[in-house]
Amino acid sequence: MTRDHAENGPRAGPTTPLERAGQPGYLGELDGTDPCRTAGQSNCPATETSGGITLVAAVLATAFGIMASLGLLALRGRALSLALAVLLLPLVVPYICLAVGLLILVQEVSAQPTLVAVVLGHSVIALPFAILVILPRLRSLDPAMYEAALDLGASGFAALRYITLPLLTPLSCRASSSAL
């Protein structure tokens, strides 16, 4: 706790998680008492948490990337350019600015910065990579297959489920790995 914080009380405005937590893992590395090694654990819980966040964020980014790419196929002209620019914006915004902006957004909606917020933040960062992998493949698919399914009586959802998504399955694995 800083002296200014003790005198003036808690600050108004966003706080970062590092202001509320200590760094026992870092200090343990310096003096040789790593909490993961002394507890007899094979892996550090932080590593497991990071791996879980990464996997869930990659799956979410791939799912949202497929949905966004399907939506982008329906757009033309300026609407397509604008939507593509907005969806690819996390590629050009520095990650630290994006992280601080997302932290402020989470606190403005009166939510706690939890692992769910971290997963959603990572998904936002990974979404453009998934879109850039999926969109060219969707554009190269023959639209006659989808239209033939509709002509044979399939609903739009059934044609998507049985025609488009199976053709995207190998690509979904690639998009997930690029989102990692």
N, C-alpha and C. Protein backbone atom coordinates (compact mmCIF):
# COMPACT_ATOMS: atom_id res chain seq x y z
N MET A 1 0.85 -1.16 0.00
CA MET A 1 0.00 0.00 0.00
C MET A 1 0.90 1.24 0.00
N THR A 2 0.62 2.14 -0.90
CA THR A 2 1.44 3.34 -0.98
C THR A 2 1.01 4.33 0.10
N ARG A 3 1.90 5.27 0.35
CA ARG A 3 1.61 6.27 1.38
C ARG A 3 0.43 7.14 0.97
N ASP A 4 0.37 7.49 -0.33
CA ASP A 4 -0.72 8.31 -0.83
C ASP A 4 -2.05 7.56 -0.69
N HIS A 5 -2.03 6.27 -0.94
CA HIS A 5 -3.23 5.45 -0.82
C HIS A 5 -3.70 5.38 0.64
N ALA A 6 -2.77 5.27 1.57
CA ALA A 6 -3.12 5.18 2.99
C ALA A 6 -3.71 6.49 3.49
N GLU A 7 -3.21 7.61 2.98
CA GLU A 7 -3.69 8.91 3.45
C GLU A 7 -5.03 9.28 2.83
N ASN A 8 -5.20 9.02 1.55
CA ASN A 8 -6.38 9.50 0.84
C ASN A 8 -7.46 8.44 0.65
N GLY A 9 -7.24 7.24 1.10
CA GLY A 9 -8.23 6.18 0.92
C GLY A 9 -8.11 5.59 -0.48
N PRO A 10 -9.01 4.69 -0.84
CA PRO A 10 -8.92 4.05 -2.14
C PRO A 10 -9.13 5.04 -3.27
N ARG A 11 -8.41 4.78 -4.36
CA ARG A 11 -8.53 5.64 -5.53
C ARG A 11 -9.86 5.41 -6.22
N ALA A 12 -10.38 6.45 -6.81
CA ALA A 12 -11.55 6.29 -7.67
C ALA A 12 -11.02 5.98 -9.07
N GLY A 13 -11.68 5.10 -9.76
CA GLY A 13 -11.25 4.75 -11.10
C GLY A 13 -10.76 3.33 -11.17
N PRO A 14 -10.33 2.95 -12.34
CA PRO A 14 -9.93 1.55 -12.53
C PRO A 14 -8.65 1.20 -11.79
N THR A 15 -8.61 -0.02 -11.32
CA THR A 15 -7.41 -0.54 -10.69
C THR A 15 -6.99 -1.79 -11.43
N THR A 16 -5.74 -2.08 -11.43
CA THR A 16 -5.26 -3.28 -12.09
C THR A 16 -5.16 -4.40 -11.07
N PRO A 17 -5.22 -5.67 -11.53
CA PRO A 17 -5.11 -6.78 -10.57
C PRO A 17 -3.80 -6.77 -9.81
N LEU A 18 -2.72 -6.23 -10.39
CA LEU A 18 -1.44 -6.23 -9.70
C LEU A 18 -1.42 -5.30 -8.50
N GLU A 19 -2.31 -4.31 -8.49
CA GLU A 19 -2.37 -3.42 -7.35
C GLU A 19 -3.02 -4.10 -6.15
N ARG A 20 -3.79 -5.16 -6.40
CA ARG A 20 -4.49 -5.83 -5.31
C ARG A 20 -3.80 -7.11 -4.86
N ALA A 21 -2.82 -7.57 -5.58
CA ALA A 21 -2.19 -8.85 -5.25
C ALA A 21 -0.69 -8.69 -5.14
N GLY A 22 -0.09 -9.52 -4.34
CA GLY A 22 1.35 -9.52 -4.23
C GLY A 22 1.97 -10.39 -5.31
N GLN A 23 3.27 -10.55 -5.26
CA GLN A 23 3.96 -11.37 -6.24
C GLN A 23 4.73 -12.48 -5.54
N PRO A 24 4.06 -13.41 -4.85
CA PRO A 24 4.80 -14.44 -4.13
C PRO A 24 5.56 -15.37 -5.07
N GLY A 25 5.04 -15.61 -6.28
CA GLY A 25 5.73 -16.48 -7.22
C GLY A 25 7.06 -15.90 -7.65
N TYR A 26 7.08 -14.60 -7.90
CA TYR A 26 8.32 -13.96 -8.32
C TYR A 26 9.33 -13.93 -7.17
N LEU A 27 8.84 -13.59 -5.98
CA LEU A 27 9.74 -13.53 -4.84
C LEU A 27 10.26 -14.92 -4.49
N GLY A 28 9.42 -15.94 -4.66
CA GLY A 28 9.85 -17.31 -4.39
C GLY A 28 10.94 -17.76 -5.34
N GLU A 29 10.91 -17.31 -6.56
CA GLU A 29 11.96 -17.66 -7.51
C GLU A 29 13.29 -17.05 -7.09
N LEU A 30 13.24 -15.86 -6.51
CA LEU A 30 14.48 -15.19 -6.13
C LEU A 30 15.16 -15.83 -4.93
N ASP A 31 14.37 -16.25 -3.93
CA ASP A 31 15.01 -16.80 -2.74
C ASP A 31 15.01 -18.34 -2.71
N GLY A 32 14.58 -18.98 -3.80
CA GLY A 32 14.65 -20.44 -3.90
C GLY A 32 13.49 -21.18 -3.27
N THR A 33 12.45 -20.48 -2.84
CA THR A 33 11.30 -21.15 -2.24
C THR A 33 10.10 -21.04 -3.18
N ASP A 34 10.20 -21.63 -4.33
CA ASP A 34 9.12 -21.60 -5.30
C ASP A 34 7.93 -22.36 -4.74
N PRO A 35 6.76 -21.74 -4.62
CA PRO A 35 5.62 -22.41 -4.00
C PRO A 35 5.18 -23.66 -4.75
N CYS A 36 5.39 -23.74 -6.04
CA CYS A 36 5.00 -24.93 -6.80
C CYS A 36 5.90 -26.11 -6.49
N ARG A 37 7.17 -25.85 -6.29
CA ARG A 37 8.10 -26.95 -6.02
C ARG A 37 8.03 -27.41 -4.57
N THR A 38 7.80 -26.49 -3.64
CA THR A 38 7.76 -26.88 -2.23
C THR A 38 6.49 -27.64 -1.90
N ALA A 39 5.41 -27.42 -2.65
CA ALA A 39 4.15 -28.12 -2.37
C ALA A 39 4.15 -29.51 -2.99
N GLY A 40 5.18 -29.88 -3.72
CA GLY A 40 5.26 -31.20 -4.32
C GLY A 40 4.41 -31.34 -5.56
N GLN A 41 4.00 -30.23 -6.18
CA GLN A 41 3.18 -30.29 -7.37
C GLN A 41 4.08 -30.43 -8.60
N SER A 42 3.58 -31.15 -9.59
CA SER A 42 4.37 -31.30 -10.81
C SER A 42 4.27 -30.06 -11.68
N ASN A 43 3.10 -29.43 -11.70
CA ASN A 43 2.91 -28.21 -12.49
C ASN A 43 2.42 -27.10 -11.58
N CYS A 44 2.73 -25.92 -11.97
CA CYS A 44 2.27 -24.75 -11.23
C CYS A 44 0.81 -24.49 -11.60
N PRO A 45 -0.05 -24.16 -10.67
CA PRO A 45 -1.44 -23.86 -11.00
C PRO A 45 -1.56 -22.71 -12.00
N ALA A 46 -0.62 -21.78 -11.97
CA ALA A 46 -0.67 -20.67 -12.92
C ALA A 46 -0.50 -21.17 -14.35
N THR A 47 0.33 -22.17 -14.54
CA THR A 47 0.53 -22.73 -15.88
C THR A 47 -0.74 -23.42 -16.35
N GLU A 48 -1.38 -24.16 -15.45
CA GLU A 48 -2.63 -24.82 -15.82
C GLU A 48 -3.72 -23.79 -16.13
N THR A 49 -3.79 -22.74 -15.36
CA THR A 49 -4.78 -21.69 -15.61
C THR A 49 -4.52 -21.02 -16.94
N SER A 50 -3.27 -20.71 -17.24
CA SER A 50 -2.92 -20.08 -18.51
C SER A 50 -3.26 -20.98 -19.69
N GLY A 51 -2.98 -22.27 -19.54
CA GLY A 51 -3.32 -23.20 -20.60
C GLY A 51 -4.81 -23.30 -20.83
N GLY A 52 -5.59 -23.32 -19.75
CA GLY A 52 -7.04 -23.37 -19.88
C GLY A 52 -7.60 -22.12 -20.53
N ILE A 53 -7.08 -20.96 -20.13
CA ILE A 53 -7.52 -19.70 -20.73
C ILE A 53 -7.21 -19.70 -22.21
N THR A 54 -6.03 -20.16 -22.59
CA THR A 54 -5.62 -20.17 -23.99
C THR A 54 -6.52 -21.07 -24.82
N LEU A 55 -6.80 -22.26 -24.32
CA LEU A 55 -7.63 -23.20 -25.08
C LEU A 55 -9.06 -22.70 -25.24
N VAL A 56 -9.65 -22.20 -24.16
CA VAL A 56 -11.02 -21.70 -24.24
C VAL A 56 -11.10 -20.47 -25.15
N ALA A 57 -10.11 -19.58 -25.04
CA ALA A 57 -10.10 -18.39 -25.90
C ALA A 57 -9.95 -18.76 -27.37
N ALA A 58 -9.13 -19.77 -27.66
CA ALA A 58 -8.95 -20.20 -29.05
C ALA A 58 -10.23 -20.80 -29.62
N VAL A 59 -10.93 -21.60 -28.82
CA VAL A 59 -12.19 -22.19 -29.28
C VAL A 59 -13.24 -21.10 -29.49
N LEU A 60 -13.33 -20.17 -28.56
CA LEU A 60 -14.29 -19.06 -28.71
C LEU A 60 -13.96 -18.20 -29.92
N ALA A 61 -12.69 -17.88 -30.11
CA ALA A 61 -12.30 -17.05 -31.25
C ALA A 61 -12.61 -17.76 -32.56
N THR A 62 -12.42 -19.07 -32.61
CA THR A 62 -12.73 -19.82 -33.83
C THR A 62 -14.23 -19.83 -34.10
N ALA A 63 -15.02 -20.06 -33.06
CA ALA A 63 -16.48 -20.06 -33.23
C ALA A 63 -16.98 -18.69 -33.67
N PHE A 64 -16.51 -17.64 -33.00
CA PHE A 64 -16.91 -16.29 -33.40
C PHE A 64 -16.35 -15.92 -34.77
N GLY A 65 -15.18 -16.44 -35.10
CA GLY A 65 -14.59 -16.19 -36.42
C GLY A 65 -15.41 -16.80 -37.53
N ILE A 66 -15.93 -18.01 -37.30
CA ILE A 66 -16.81 -18.64 -38.30
C ILE A 66 -18.08 -17.82 -38.46
N MET A 67 -18.68 -17.41 -37.34
CA MET A 67 -19.90 -16.62 -37.42
C MET A 67 -19.66 -15.28 -38.11
N ALA A 68 -18.57 -14.62 -37.75
CA ALA A 68 -18.27 -13.33 -38.36
C ALA A 68 -17.97 -13.47 -39.84
N SER A 69 -17.27 -14.53 -40.23
CA SER A 69 -16.95 -14.74 -41.64
C SER A 69 -18.21 -15.03 -42.46
N LEU A 70 -19.13 -15.81 -41.88
CA LEU A 70 -20.41 -16.05 -42.56
C LEU A 70 -21.18 -14.75 -42.73
N GLY A 71 -21.15 -13.89 -41.73
CA GLY A 71 -21.81 -12.60 -41.84
C GLY A 71 -21.13 -11.70 -42.86
N LEU A 72 -19.80 -11.75 -42.92
CA LEU A 72 -19.08 -10.92 -43.88
C LEU A 72 -19.37 -11.33 -45.32
N LEU A 73 -19.67 -12.61 -45.55
CA LEU A 73 -19.99 -13.06 -46.90
C LEU A 73 -21.26 -12.42 -47.43
N ALA A 74 -22.18 -12.07 -46.54
CA ALA A 74 -23.45 -11.48 -46.96
C ALA A 74 -23.33 -9.99 -47.26
N LEU A 75 -22.24 -9.36 -46.83
CA LEU A 75 -22.09 -7.92 -47.00
C LEU A 75 -21.40 -7.59 -48.32
N ARG A 76 -21.67 -6.42 -48.82
CA ARG A 76 -21.04 -5.92 -50.05
C ARG A 76 -20.68 -4.45 -49.88
N GLY A 77 -19.72 -3.99 -50.64
CA GLY A 77 -19.38 -2.57 -50.72
C GLY A 77 -18.82 -1.99 -49.44
N ARG A 78 -19.33 -0.81 -49.10
CA ARG A 78 -18.82 -0.09 -47.94
C ARG A 78 -19.13 -0.80 -46.63
N ALA A 79 -20.25 -1.46 -46.57
CA ALA A 79 -20.60 -2.18 -45.35
C ALA A 79 -19.58 -3.29 -45.07
N LEU A 80 -19.15 -3.98 -46.12
CA LEU A 80 -18.13 -5.02 -45.97
C LEU A 80 -16.81 -4.42 -45.50
N SER A 81 -16.41 -3.33 -46.11
CA SER A 81 -15.15 -2.67 -45.73
C SER A 81 -15.18 -2.21 -44.28
N LEU A 82 -16.29 -1.62 -43.87
CA LEU A 82 -16.41 -1.13 -42.50
C LEU A 82 -16.41 -2.28 -41.50
N ALA A 83 -17.20 -3.32 -41.77
CA ALA A 83 -17.26 -4.45 -40.84
C ALA A 83 -15.91 -5.16 -40.76
N LEU A 84 -15.23 -5.33 -41.87
CA LEU A 84 -13.93 -5.97 -41.87
C LEU A 84 -12.90 -5.14 -41.11
N ALA A 85 -12.96 -3.83 -41.28
CA ALA A 85 -12.04 -2.95 -40.56
C ALA A 85 -12.26 -3.03 -39.06
N VAL A 86 -13.51 -3.06 -38.64
CA VAL A 86 -13.81 -3.13 -37.20
C VAL A 86 -13.37 -4.48 -36.63
N LEU A 87 -13.63 -5.57 -37.36
CA LEU A 87 -13.27 -6.89 -36.86
C LEU A 87 -11.76 -7.12 -36.83
N LEU A 88 -11.02 -6.48 -37.72
CA LEU A 88 -9.57 -6.65 -37.76
C LEU A 88 -8.83 -5.59 -36.96
N LEU A 89 -9.56 -4.69 -36.32
CA LEU A 89 -8.95 -3.61 -35.56
C LEU A 89 -7.99 -4.07 -34.46
N PRO A 90 -8.26 -5.17 -33.74
CA PRO A 90 -7.30 -5.60 -32.72
C PRO A 90 -5.91 -5.92 -33.26
N LEU A 91 -5.77 -6.11 -34.56
CA LEU A 91 -4.44 -6.35 -35.13
C LEU A 91 -3.57 -5.10 -35.14
N VAL A 92 -4.20 -3.93 -35.24
CA VAL A 92 -3.42 -2.70 -35.37
C VAL A 92 -3.35 -1.91 -34.07
N VAL A 93 -4.22 -2.21 -33.11
CA VAL A 93 -4.18 -1.52 -31.82
C VAL A 93 -3.14 -2.22 -30.95
N PRO A 94 -2.23 -1.48 -30.35
CA PRO A 94 -1.26 -2.14 -29.46
C PRO A 94 -1.98 -2.91 -28.35
N TYR A 95 -1.44 -4.09 -28.03
CA TYR A 95 -2.11 -4.98 -27.08
C TYR A 95 -2.26 -4.35 -25.70
N ILE A 96 -1.31 -3.55 -25.28
CA ILE A 96 -1.42 -2.94 -23.95
C ILE A 96 -2.57 -1.94 -23.93
N CYS A 97 -2.77 -1.20 -25.02
CA CYS A 97 -3.90 -0.27 -25.09
C CYS A 97 -5.22 -1.03 -25.11
N LEU A 98 -5.24 -2.13 -25.84
CA LEU A 98 -6.44 -2.96 -25.88
C LEU A 98 -6.74 -3.55 -24.50
N ALA A 99 -5.71 -4.00 -23.79
CA ALA A 99 -5.91 -4.58 -22.46
C ALA A 99 -6.42 -3.54 -21.47
N VAL A 100 -5.84 -2.36 -21.49
CA VAL A 100 -6.28 -1.30 -20.57
C VAL A 100 -7.71 -0.88 -20.91
N GLY A 101 -8.01 -0.78 -22.20
CA GLY A 101 -9.37 -0.44 -22.61
C GLY A 101 -10.39 -1.48 -22.18
N LEU A 102 -10.04 -2.76 -22.33
CA LEU A 102 -10.94 -3.83 -21.89
C LEU A 102 -11.11 -3.83 -20.37
N LEU A 103 -10.04 -3.53 -19.64
CA LEU A 103 -10.14 -3.46 -18.18
C LEU A 103 -11.08 -2.33 -17.76
N ILE A 104 -10.96 -1.19 -18.41
CA ILE A 104 -11.85 -0.07 -18.11
C ILE A 104 -13.29 -0.43 -18.47
N LEU A 105 -13.49 -1.10 -19.61
CA LEU A 105 -14.83 -1.51 -20.01
C LEU A 105 -15.44 -2.48 -19.00
N VAL A 106 -14.66 -3.44 -18.54
CA VAL A 106 -15.16 -4.41 -17.56
C VAL A 106 -15.57 -3.69 -16.28
N GLN A 107 -14.79 -2.73 -15.84
CA GLN A 107 -15.13 -2.03 -14.60
C GLN A 107 -16.28 -1.05 -14.80
N GLU A 108 -16.45 -0.52 -16.01
CA GLU A 108 -17.56 0.39 -16.26
C GLU A 108 -18.90 -0.33 -16.26
N VAL A 109 -18.91 -1.59 -16.65
CA VAL A 109 -20.16 -2.35 -16.62
C VAL A 109 -20.35 -3.02 -15.26
N SER A 110 -19.60 -2.59 -14.28
CA SER A 110 -19.67 -3.06 -12.89
C SER A 110 -19.43 -4.56 -12.76
N ALA A 111 -18.54 -5.08 -13.57
CA ALA A 111 -18.16 -6.49 -13.46
C ALA A 111 -16.79 -6.57 -12.79
N GLN A 112 -16.51 -7.70 -12.21
CA GLN A 112 -15.21 -7.92 -11.60
C GLN A 112 -14.25 -8.46 -12.66
N PRO A 113 -12.99 -8.04 -12.62
CA PRO A 113 -12.02 -8.62 -13.57
C PRO A 113 -11.70 -10.07 -13.19
N THR A 114 -12.48 -10.99 -13.72
CA THR A 114 -12.33 -12.42 -13.41
C THR A 114 -11.70 -13.13 -14.59
N LEU A 115 -11.59 -14.44 -14.48
CA LEU A 115 -11.04 -15.23 -15.58
C LEU A 115 -11.93 -15.19 -16.81
N VAL A 116 -13.22 -14.99 -16.62
CA VAL A 116 -14.13 -14.87 -17.77
C VAL A 116 -13.76 -13.63 -18.58
N ALA A 117 -13.48 -12.53 -17.91
CA ALA A 117 -13.07 -11.31 -18.61
C ALA A 117 -11.73 -11.52 -19.32
N VAL A 118 -10.83 -12.26 -18.70
CA VAL A 118 -9.53 -12.55 -19.33
C VAL A 118 -9.73 -13.40 -20.58
N VAL A 119 -10.60 -14.41 -20.50
CA VAL A 119 -10.87 -15.27 -21.66
C VAL A 119 -11.49 -14.46 -22.79
N LEU A 120 -12.44 -13.59 -22.46
CA LEU A 120 -13.06 -12.76 -23.49
C LEU A 120 -12.05 -11.79 -24.10
N GLY A 121 -11.17 -11.24 -23.29
CA GLY A 121 -10.12 -10.36 -23.82
C GLY A 121 -9.18 -11.09 -24.76
N HIS A 122 -8.79 -12.30 -24.39
CA HIS A 122 -7.93 -13.09 -25.28
C HIS A 122 -8.67 -13.47 -26.55
N SER A 123 -9.97 -13.71 -26.44
CA SER A 123 -10.76 -14.04 -27.63
C SER A 123 -10.83 -12.86 -28.59
N VAL A 124 -10.95 -11.67 -28.04
CA VAL A 124 -10.97 -10.46 -28.89
C VAL A 124 -9.65 -10.32 -29.64
N ILE A 125 -8.55 -10.61 -28.97
CA ILE A 125 -7.24 -10.51 -29.61
C ILE A 125 -7.06 -11.59 -30.67
N ALA A 126 -7.60 -12.80 -30.44
CA ALA A 126 -7.42 -13.91 -31.37
C ALA A 126 -8.43 -13.91 -32.51
N LEU A 127 -9.53 -13.18 -32.38
CA LEU A 127 -10.58 -13.19 -33.39
C LEU A 127 -10.11 -12.80 -34.79
N PRO A 128 -9.32 -11.73 -34.96
CA PRO A 128 -8.87 -11.39 -36.31
C PRO A 128 -8.06 -12.50 -36.99
N PHE A 129 -7.27 -13.21 -36.22
CA PHE A 129 -6.48 -14.30 -36.80
C PHE A 129 -7.40 -15.41 -37.32
N ALA A 130 -8.44 -15.71 -36.56
CA ALA A 130 -9.40 -16.73 -37.01
C ALA A 130 -10.14 -16.27 -38.26
N ILE A 131 -10.53 -15.01 -38.30
CA ILE A 131 -11.25 -14.49 -39.47
C ILE A 131 -10.36 -14.54 -40.70
N LEU A 132 -9.09 -14.17 -40.54
CA LEU A 132 -8.18 -14.16 -41.69
C LEU A 132 -7.90 -15.55 -42.23
N VAL A 133 -8.09 -16.58 -41.42
CA VAL A 133 -7.91 -17.96 -41.89
C VAL A 133 -9.20 -18.48 -42.51
N ILE A 134 -10.35 -18.17 -41.92
CA ILE A 134 -11.62 -18.76 -42.33
C ILE A 134 -12.23 -18.06 -43.55
N LEU A 135 -12.16 -16.74 -43.60
CA LEU A 135 -12.85 -15.98 -44.66
C LEU A 135 -12.40 -16.36 -46.08
N PRO A 136 -11.11 -16.49 -46.36
CA PRO A 136 -10.74 -16.88 -47.73
C PRO A 136 -11.28 -18.26 -48.12
N ARG A 137 -11.31 -19.19 -47.17
CA ARG A 137 -11.84 -20.53 -47.48
C ARG A 137 -13.33 -20.47 -47.75
N LEU A 138 -14.07 -19.67 -46.99
CA LEU A 138 -15.50 -19.53 -47.24
C LEU A 138 -15.76 -18.92 -48.61
N ARG A 139 -14.94 -17.97 -49.00
CA ARG A 139 -15.12 -17.35 -50.32
C ARG A 139 -14.83 -18.32 -51.45
N SER A 140 -13.96 -19.30 -51.18
CA SER A 140 -13.61 -20.25 -52.24
C SER A 140 -14.59 -21.41 -52.35
N LEU A 141 -15.50 -21.56 -51.40
CA LEU A 141 -16.49 -22.64 -51.48
C LEU A 141 -17.47 -22.36 -52.61
N ASP A 142 -17.92 -23.42 -53.25
CA ASP A 142 -18.88 -23.30 -54.34
C ASP A 142 -20.26 -23.03 -53.75
N PRO A 143 -20.85 -21.87 -54.04
CA PRO A 143 -22.18 -21.56 -53.47
C PRO A 143 -23.27 -22.47 -54.03
N ALA A 144 -22.99 -23.18 -55.13
CA ALA A 144 -24.00 -24.06 -55.72
C ALA A 144 -24.33 -25.22 -54.78
N MET A 145 -23.38 -25.66 -53.97
CA MET A 145 -23.66 -26.76 -53.03
C MET A 145 -24.68 -26.33 -51.98
N TYR A 146 -24.51 -25.14 -51.45
CA TYR A 146 -25.44 -24.61 -50.45
C TYR A 146 -26.81 -24.41 -51.08
N GLU A 147 -26.84 -23.84 -52.29
CA GLU A 147 -28.11 -23.59 -52.98
C GLU A 147 -28.80 -24.89 -53.35
N ALA A 148 -28.02 -25.91 -53.69
CA ALA A 148 -28.62 -27.21 -54.02
C ALA A 148 -29.27 -27.82 -52.79
N ALA A 149 -28.65 -27.68 -51.63
CA ALA A 149 -29.26 -28.18 -50.40
C ALA A 149 -30.57 -27.46 -50.11
N LEU A 150 -30.60 -26.15 -50.36
CA LEU A 150 -31.84 -25.39 -50.16
C LEU A 150 -32.91 -25.83 -51.16
N ASP A 151 -32.50 -26.08 -52.42
CA ASP A 151 -33.44 -26.52 -53.44
C ASP A 151 -34.02 -27.90 -53.12
N LEU A 152 -33.25 -28.74 -52.44
CA LEU A 152 -33.71 -30.08 -52.09
C LEU A 152 -34.54 -30.11 -50.81
N GLY A 153 -34.83 -28.94 -50.25
CA GLY A 153 -35.73 -28.85 -49.11
C GLY A 153 -35.08 -28.65 -47.77
N ALA A 154 -33.78 -28.50 -47.71
CA ALA A 154 -33.12 -28.27 -46.43
C ALA A 154 -33.36 -26.82 -45.99
N SER A 155 -33.45 -26.65 -44.68
CA SER A 155 -33.56 -25.29 -44.15
C SER A 155 -32.18 -24.63 -44.24
N GLY A 156 -32.15 -23.34 -44.02
CA GLY A 156 -30.87 -22.63 -44.06
C GLY A 156 -29.90 -23.14 -43.02
N PHE A 157 -30.42 -23.45 -41.81
CA PHE A 157 -29.57 -23.98 -40.75
C PHE A 157 -29.06 -25.37 -41.09
N ALA A 158 -29.95 -26.22 -41.66
CA ALA A 158 -29.53 -27.58 -42.03
C ALA A 158 -28.47 -27.54 -43.12
N ALA A 159 -28.61 -26.65 -44.09
CA ALA A 159 -27.61 -26.52 -45.15
C ALA A 159 -26.27 -26.05 -44.57
N LEU A 160 -26.34 -25.14 -43.62
CA LEU A 160 -25.11 -24.69 -42.96
C LEU A 160 -24.48 -25.83 -42.18
N ARG A 161 -25.31 -26.57 -41.45
CA ARG A 161 -24.79 -27.64 -40.59
C ARG A 161 -24.24 -28.81 -41.38
N TYR A 162 -24.91 -29.20 -42.46
CA TYR A 162 -24.51 -30.41 -43.18
C TYR A 162 -23.64 -30.15 -44.41
N ILE A 163 -23.57 -28.92 -44.88
CA ILE A 163 -22.78 -28.62 -46.08
C ILE A 163 -21.58 -27.74 -45.73
N THR A 164 -21.84 -26.55 -45.18
CA THR A 164 -20.77 -25.58 -44.97
C THR A 164 -19.83 -25.96 -43.83
N LEU A 165 -20.39 -26.27 -42.67
CA LEU A 165 -19.54 -26.56 -41.51
C LEU A 165 -18.65 -27.79 -41.70
N PRO A 166 -19.12 -28.88 -42.31
CA PRO A 166 -18.18 -30.00 -42.55
C PRO A 166 -17.03 -29.62 -43.48
N LEU A 167 -17.29 -28.73 -44.42
CA LEU A 167 -16.21 -28.29 -45.30
C LEU A 167 -15.21 -27.39 -44.58
N LEU A 168 -15.66 -26.79 -43.47
CA LEU A 168 -14.78 -25.91 -42.69
C LEU A 168 -14.08 -26.63 -41.53
N THR A 169 -14.40 -27.89 -41.29
CA THR A 169 -13.85 -28.59 -40.13
C THR A 169 -12.32 -28.63 -40.12
N PRO A 170 -11.65 -29.03 -41.23
CA PRO A 170 -10.18 -29.01 -41.19
C PRO A 170 -9.63 -27.60 -40.97
N LEU A 171 -10.33 -26.65 -41.57
CA LEU A 171 -9.89 -25.26 -41.44
C LEU A 171 -10.10 -24.74 -40.02
N SER A 172 -11.13 -25.25 -39.33
CA SER A 172 -11.38 -24.82 -37.96
C SER A 172 -10.23 -25.22 -37.05
N CYS A 173 -9.66 -26.38 -37.29
CA CYS A 173 -8.48 -26.79 -36.51
C CYS A 173 -7.32 -25.85 -36.76
N ARG A 174 -7.12 -25.47 -38.03
CA ARG A 174 -6.06 -24.55 -38.37
C ARG A 174 -6.31 -23.18 -37.77
N ALA A 175 -7.57 -22.72 -37.80
CA ALA A 175 -7.91 -21.41 -37.23
C ALA A 175 -7.70 -21.42 -35.72
N SER A 176 -8.06 -22.52 -35.05
CA SER A 176 -7.84 -22.61 -33.61
C SER A 176 -6.36 -22.57 -33.26
N SER A 177 -5.55 -23.27 -34.06
CA SER A 177 -4.11 -23.26 -33.78
C SER A 177 -3.50 -21.89 -34.06
N SER A 178 -4.01 -21.17 -35.04
CA SER A 178 -3.47 -19.83 -35.28
C SER A 178 -3.95 -18.85 -34.22
N ALA A 179 -5.11 -19.13 -33.62
CA ALA A 179 -5.62 -18.27 -32.56
C ALA A 179 -4.90 -18.50 -31.23
N LEU A 180 -4.22 -19.65 -31.11
CA LEU A 180 -3.47 -19.91 -29.89
C LEU A 180 -2.37 -18.89 -29.76
